[in-house]
Amino acid sequence: MPLELVSFKHISRILEVTDSLGLNREWVEIPLSPESPGVVRRLPNGKLEIIVDADQPFEDWLGSLPKHIQLVQGA
């Protein structure tokens, strides 16, 4: 079942991941509308935008999030 809205619970889980990677929450943007495919990208203002994948199960997507963040950061 496709995800239609990123809830506060989803955002909290994503922020747990970004916190564990040492990212400042002020530099992370999480839109409330998921997309297919989801994406992690650096915005022109330097912030990290994390768009949840609408079609992939959230837990699976969340498990791959650290890898996607590290790729964007060039780690």
Protein backbone atom coordinates (compact mmCIF):
# COMPACT_ATOMS: atom_id res chain seq x y z
CA MET A 1 0.00 0.00 0.00
CA PRO A 2 1.56 3.32 -1.07
CA LEU A 3 2.41 5.85 1.61
CA GLU A 4 0.26 8.96 1.17
CA LEU A 5 1.56 11.22 3.95
CA VAL A 6 4.74 11.40 5.99
CA SER A 7 3.53 11.43 9.60
CA PHE A 8 5.18 12.87 12.71
CA LYS A 9 6.10 9.29 13.66
CA HIS A 10 7.88 8.83 10.30
CA ILE A 11 9.71 12.14 10.74
CA SER A 12 10.79 11.17 14.24
CA ARG A 13 12.25 7.90 12.94
CA ILE A 14 14.08 9.72 10.12
CA LEU A 15 15.50 12.24 12.59
CA GLU A 16 16.77 9.38 14.77
CA VAL A 17 18.79 8.24 11.75
CA THR A 18 20.10 11.72 10.95
CA ASP A 19 20.94 12.31 14.63
CA SER A 20 22.93 9.06 14.72
CA LEU A 21 24.93 10.36 11.73
CA GLY A 22 25.68 13.62 13.54
CA LEU A 23 23.57 15.82 11.28
CA ASN A 24 22.15 19.07 12.62
CA ARG A 25 18.35 18.98 12.44
CA GLU A 26 18.33 22.60 11.22
CA TRP A 27 20.02 21.37 8.03
CA VAL A 28 17.53 18.59 7.23
CA GLU A 29 14.28 19.08 5.32
CA ILE A 30 11.66 16.32 5.17
CA PRO A 31 8.66 17.11 2.93
CA LEU A 32 5.31 15.74 4.11
CA SER A 33 4.49 14.35 0.66
CA PRO A 34 6.28 11.13 -0.28
CA GLU A 35 7.30 10.56 -3.90
CA SER A 36 8.16 7.63 -6.09
CA PRO A 37 11.01 7.18 -6.13
CA GLY A 38 12.12 8.74 -2.86
CA VAL A 39 15.32 10.74 -2.93
CA VAL A 40 18.04 12.20 -0.73
CA ARG A 41 19.70 15.26 -2.20
CA ARG A 42 21.61 18.39 -1.31
CA LEU A 43 19.61 21.57 -1.91
CA PRO A 44 21.19 24.76 -3.32
CA ASN A 45 21.06 26.30 0.19
CA GLY A 46 23.21 23.41 1.50
CA LYS A 47 20.43 21.65 3.38
CA LEU A 48 19.80 17.94 2.99
CA GLU A 49 16.36 17.11 1.58
CA ILE A 50 15.02 13.66 2.43
CA ILE A 51 11.93 12.64 0.44
CA VAL A 52 10.35 9.41 1.63
CA ASP A 53 9.67 6.78 -1.02
CA ALA A 54 5.91 6.40 -1.51
CA ASP A 55 5.99 2.83 -2.83
CA GLN A 56 8.69 1.09 -0.81
CA PRO A 57 7.75 -0.16 2.68
CA PHE A 58 8.83 2.54 5.13
CA GLU A 59 10.96 0.24 7.31
CA ASP A 60 12.87 -1.03 4.25
CA TRP A 61 13.40 2.52 2.99
CA LEU A 62 14.48 3.71 6.45
CA GLY A 63 17.06 0.91 6.65
CA SER A 64 18.69 2.14 3.44
CA LEU A 65 18.59 5.82 4.44
CA PRO A 66 22.06 6.02 6.07
CA LYS A 67 23.66 4.71 2.87
CA HIS A 68 21.82 7.28 0.74
CA ILE A 69 22.79 10.13 3.09
CA GLN A 70 26.44 9.05 3.03
CA LEU A 71 26.40 8.93 -0.79
CA VAL A 72 25.07 12.49 -0.98
CA GLN A 73 27.69 13.66 1.51
CA GLY A 74 30.44 11.99 -0.49
CA ALA A 75 31.46 9.71 2.37
